[in-house]
């Protein structure tokens, strides 16, 4: 649905910048779901949920920034799991 980038905030703190992929930009249901995610995550305060810094309302760009969490790419590591 989206592409994740590691970026630096104004405070030089690493953040994750998530941008909707071009392939999904034309699908309104995907765009709406993409924008619901940061709103839902921003309303939760829990150590296991990455905090959302900001999101851009619909327009030319569909993106949001959230706390960067160090770890493996689940798309890659899930291929290594048995079953």
N, C-alpha and C. Protein backbone atom coordinates (compact mmCIF):
# COMPACT_ATOMS: atom_id res chain seq x y z
N UNK A 1 0.82 -1.18 0.00
CA UNK A 1 0.00 0.00 0.00
C UNK A 1 0.87 1.25 0.00
N UNK A 2 1.91 1.26 0.84
CA UNK A 2 2.77 2.42 0.94
C UNK A 2 4.23 2.03 0.91
N UNK A 3 5.07 3.03 0.75
CA UNK A 3 6.51 2.84 0.74
C UNK A 3 7.06 3.56 1.96
N UNK A 4 7.93 2.91 2.70
CA UNK A 4 8.52 3.49 3.91
C UNK A 4 9.94 3.96 3.63
N UNK A 5 10.24 5.14 4.15
CA UNK A 5 11.58 5.70 4.04
C UNK A 5 12.05 6.10 5.43
N UNK A 6 13.32 5.89 5.70
CA UNK A 6 13.92 6.40 6.92
C UNK A 6 14.37 7.82 6.61
N UNK A 7 13.97 8.76 7.46
CA UNK A 7 14.28 10.17 7.24
C UNK A 7 14.71 10.80 8.56
N UNK A 8 15.16 12.03 8.50
CA UNK A 8 15.54 12.76 9.72
C UNK A 8 14.56 13.90 9.92
N UNK A 9 14.14 14.07 11.15
CA UNK A 9 13.25 15.18 11.48
C UNK A 9 14.07 16.46 11.66
N UNK A 10 13.38 17.55 11.93
CA UNK A 10 14.08 18.82 12.19
C UNK A 10 15.01 18.72 13.38
N UNK A 11 14.70 17.80 14.28
CA UNK A 11 15.51 17.63 15.50
C UNK A 11 16.59 16.57 15.30
N UNK A 12 16.82 16.15 14.07
CA UNK A 12 17.81 15.13 13.72
C UNK A 12 17.48 13.77 14.35
N UNK A 13 16.22 13.55 14.66
CA UNK A 13 15.75 12.27 15.18
C UNK A 13 15.24 11.45 14.00
N UNK A 14 15.63 10.18 13.90
CA UNK A 14 15.14 9.39 12.77
C UNK A 14 13.63 9.17 12.86
N UNK A 15 12.96 9.31 11.72
CA UNK A 15 11.53 9.06 11.61
C UNK A 15 11.29 8.15 10.41
N UNK A 16 10.11 7.58 10.36
CA UNK A 16 9.68 6.83 9.19
C UNK A 16 8.71 7.70 8.42
N UNK A 17 8.98 7.88 7.15
CA UNK A 17 8.09 8.62 6.28
C UNK A 17 7.40 7.61 5.38
N UNK A 18 6.08 7.52 5.50
CA UNK A 18 5.32 6.55 4.71
C UNK A 18 4.54 7.31 3.65
N UNK A 19 4.74 6.90 2.40
CA UNK A 19 4.11 7.54 1.25
C UNK A 19 3.31 6.49 0.49
N UNK A 20 2.11 6.84 0.09
CA UNK A 20 1.30 5.89 -0.66
C UNK A 20 1.99 5.58 -1.99
N UNK A 21 1.98 4.33 -2.39
CA UNK A 21 2.64 3.95 -3.64
C UNK A 21 1.84 4.44 -4.84
N UNK A 22 2.54 4.73 -5.92
CA UNK A 22 1.89 5.22 -7.14
C UNK A 22 0.84 4.24 -7.65
N UNK A 23 1.10 2.96 -7.47
CA UNK A 23 0.16 1.94 -7.95
C UNK A 23 -1.19 2.03 -7.24
N UNK A 24 -1.20 2.53 -6.01
CA UNK A 24 -2.44 2.62 -5.23
C UNK A 24 -3.03 4.01 -5.18
N UNK A 25 -2.38 4.97 -5.77
CA UNK A 25 -2.83 6.36 -5.70
C UNK A 25 -4.20 6.56 -6.35
N UNK A 26 -4.51 5.80 -7.38
CA UNK A 26 -5.78 5.96 -8.07
C UNK A 26 -6.96 5.25 -7.43
N UNK A 27 -6.71 4.43 -6.41
CA UNK A 27 -7.77 3.65 -5.76
C UNK A 27 -8.25 4.39 -4.52
N UNK A 28 -9.46 4.95 -4.58
CA UNK A 28 -9.95 5.77 -3.46
C UNK A 28 -10.08 4.98 -2.16
N UNK A 29 -10.49 3.71 -2.23
CA UNK A 29 -10.63 2.92 -1.00
C UNK A 29 -9.27 2.72 -0.33
N UNK A 30 -8.23 2.54 -1.14
CA UNK A 30 -6.88 2.39 -0.58
C UNK A 30 -6.42 3.72 0.02
N UNK A 31 -6.68 4.82 -0.67
CA UNK A 31 -6.28 6.13 -0.14
C UNK A 31 -6.96 6.40 1.20
N UNK A 32 -8.25 6.10 1.31
CA UNK A 32 -8.97 6.34 2.56
C UNK A 32 -8.42 5.47 3.69
N UNK A 33 -8.13 4.20 3.39
CA UNK A 33 -7.56 3.31 4.40
C UNK A 33 -6.18 3.79 4.81
N UNK A 34 -5.39 4.25 3.83
CA UNK A 34 -4.05 4.78 4.11
C UNK A 34 -4.13 5.96 5.07
N UNK A 35 -5.11 6.83 4.90
CA UNK A 35 -5.25 8.00 5.76
C UNK A 35 -5.87 7.69 7.12
N UNK A 36 -6.62 6.60 7.23
CA UNK A 36 -7.19 6.21 8.52
C UNK A 36 -6.10 5.67 9.46
N UNK A 37 -5.08 5.04 8.90
CA UNK A 37 -4.03 4.44 9.75
C UNK A 37 -3.34 5.46 10.65
N UNK A 38 -2.84 6.57 10.14
CA UNK A 38 -2.16 7.50 11.06
C UNK A 38 -3.11 8.13 12.07
N UNK A 39 -4.35 8.36 11.67
CA UNK A 39 -5.32 8.93 12.61
C UNK A 39 -5.57 7.97 13.76
N UNK A 40 -5.69 6.68 13.44
CA UNK A 40 -5.91 5.68 14.49
C UNK A 40 -4.67 5.55 15.37
N UNK A 41 -3.50 5.48 14.76
CA UNK A 41 -2.27 5.32 15.54
C UNK A 41 -2.00 6.55 16.41
N UNK A 42 -2.35 7.72 15.94
CA UNK A 42 -2.12 8.95 16.72
C UNK A 42 -2.99 8.99 17.96
N UNK A 43 -4.07 8.26 17.97
CA UNK A 43 -4.97 8.28 19.12
C UNK A 43 -4.57 7.26 20.19
N UNK A 44 -3.53 6.48 19.93
CA UNK A 44 -3.09 5.43 20.86
C UNK A 44 -1.74 5.79 21.45
N UNK A 45 -1.59 5.62 22.73
CA UNK A 45 -0.30 5.78 23.41
C UNK A 45 0.04 4.46 24.06
N UNK A 46 0.97 3.74 23.45
CA UNK A 46 1.37 2.43 23.96
C UNK A 46 2.79 2.16 23.50
N UNK A 47 3.62 1.50 24.32
CA UNK A 47 5.01 1.24 23.93
C UNK A 47 5.15 0.38 22.67
N UNK A 48 4.13 -0.40 22.34
CA UNK A 48 4.21 -1.26 21.16
C UNK A 48 3.59 -0.64 19.91
N UNK A 49 3.22 0.63 19.98
CA UNK A 49 2.64 1.33 18.84
C UNK A 49 3.52 2.53 18.53
N UNK A 50 4.00 2.62 17.28
CA UNK A 50 4.83 3.75 16.88
C UNK A 50 3.98 5.02 16.88
N UNK A 51 4.52 6.09 17.45
CA UNK A 51 3.78 7.34 17.50
C UNK A 51 3.84 8.05 16.15
N UNK A 52 2.75 8.71 15.82
CA UNK A 52 2.64 9.43 14.55
C UNK A 52 2.97 10.90 14.81
N UNK A 53 3.87 11.47 14.01
CA UNK A 53 4.25 12.87 14.15
C UNK A 53 3.27 13.79 13.43
N UNK A 54 2.96 13.46 12.19
CA UNK A 54 2.02 14.27 11.42
C UNK A 54 1.57 13.48 10.20
N UNK A 55 0.48 13.92 9.60
CA UNK A 55 0.06 13.38 8.31
C UNK A 55 -0.46 14.51 7.46
N UNK A 56 -0.40 14.29 6.16
CA UNK A 56 -0.84 15.30 5.20
C UNK A 56 -2.23 14.95 4.74
N UNK A 57 -3.13 15.91 4.83
CA UNK A 57 -4.50 15.68 4.39
C UNK A 57 -4.52 15.47 2.89
N UNK A 58 -5.58 14.82 2.39
CA UNK A 58 -5.65 14.53 0.96
C UNK A 58 -5.39 15.77 0.10
N UNK A 59 -4.68 15.55 -0.95
CA UNK A 59 -4.31 16.60 -1.89
C UNK A 59 -3.39 15.97 -2.91
N UNK A 60 -2.34 16.64 -3.21
CA UNK A 60 -1.37 16.10 -4.17
C UNK A 60 -0.57 14.96 -3.56
N UNK A 61 -0.27 15.06 -2.26
CA UNK A 61 0.55 14.05 -1.60
C UNK A 61 -0.26 13.30 -0.54
N UNK A 62 0.02 12.05 -0.39
CA UNK A 62 -0.57 11.21 0.65
C UNK A 62 0.60 10.63 1.43
N UNK A 63 0.85 11.17 2.61
CA UNK A 63 1.99 10.70 3.39
C UNK A 63 1.76 10.98 4.86
N UNK A 64 2.53 10.25 5.68
CA UNK A 64 2.57 10.56 7.11
C UNK A 64 3.93 10.17 7.67
N UNK A 65 4.26 10.79 8.79
CA UNK A 65 5.54 10.54 9.46
C UNK A 65 5.26 9.92 10.81
N UNK A 66 6.07 8.93 11.15
CA UNK A 66 5.90 8.28 12.43
C UNK A 66 7.27 7.92 13.01
N UNK A 67 7.24 7.53 14.26
CA UNK A 67 8.44 7.13 14.98
C UNK A 67 9.16 6.03 14.20
N UNK A 68 10.49 6.16 14.08
CA UNK A 68 11.28 5.12 13.43
C UNK A 68 11.56 4.01 14.43
N UNK A 69 11.31 2.79 14.02
CA UNK A 69 11.59 1.62 14.86
C UNK A 69 12.61 0.75 14.13
N UNK A 70 13.75 0.58 14.74
CA UNK A 70 14.81 -0.23 14.15
C UNK A 70 14.38 -1.69 14.09
N UNK A 71 14.68 -2.36 13.01
CA UNK A 71 14.33 -3.78 12.91
C UNK A 71 14.47 -4.28 11.48
N UNK A 72 14.04 -5.52 11.30
CA UNK A 72 14.13 -6.14 9.98
C UNK A 72 12.91 -5.80 9.14
N UNK A 73 13.08 -5.88 7.85
CA UNK A 73 11.97 -5.73 6.91
C UNK A 73 11.12 -6.99 6.99
N UNK A 74 9.88 -6.86 7.43
CA UNK A 74 9.03 -8.04 7.59
C UNK A 74 8.72 -8.71 6.26
N UNK A 75 8.74 -7.94 5.18
CA UNK A 75 8.53 -8.54 3.87
C UNK A 75 9.63 -9.51 3.50
N UNK A 76 10.83 -9.24 3.98
CA UNK A 76 11.96 -10.13 3.73
C UNK A 76 12.00 -11.25 4.76
N UNK A 77 11.89 -10.89 6.03
CA UNK A 77 12.03 -11.90 7.08
C UNK A 77 10.87 -12.89 7.10
N UNK A 78 9.68 -12.49 6.63
CA UNK A 78 8.56 -13.42 6.65
C UNK A 78 8.76 -14.59 5.69
N UNK A 79 9.61 -14.41 4.68
CA UNK A 79 9.90 -15.51 3.76
C UNK A 79 10.79 -16.55 4.43
N UNK A 80 11.40 -16.17 5.55
CA UNK A 80 12.27 -17.10 6.25
C UNK A 80 11.55 -17.91 7.31
N UNK A 81 10.31 -17.51 7.65
CA UNK A 81 9.56 -18.21 8.68
C UNK A 81 9.00 -19.51 8.13
N UNK A 82 9.09 -20.59 8.93
CA UNK A 82 8.52 -21.85 8.47
C UNK A 82 6.98 -21.78 8.47
N UNK A 83 6.38 -22.58 7.61
CA UNK A 83 4.92 -22.68 7.59
C UNK A 83 4.38 -21.94 6.51
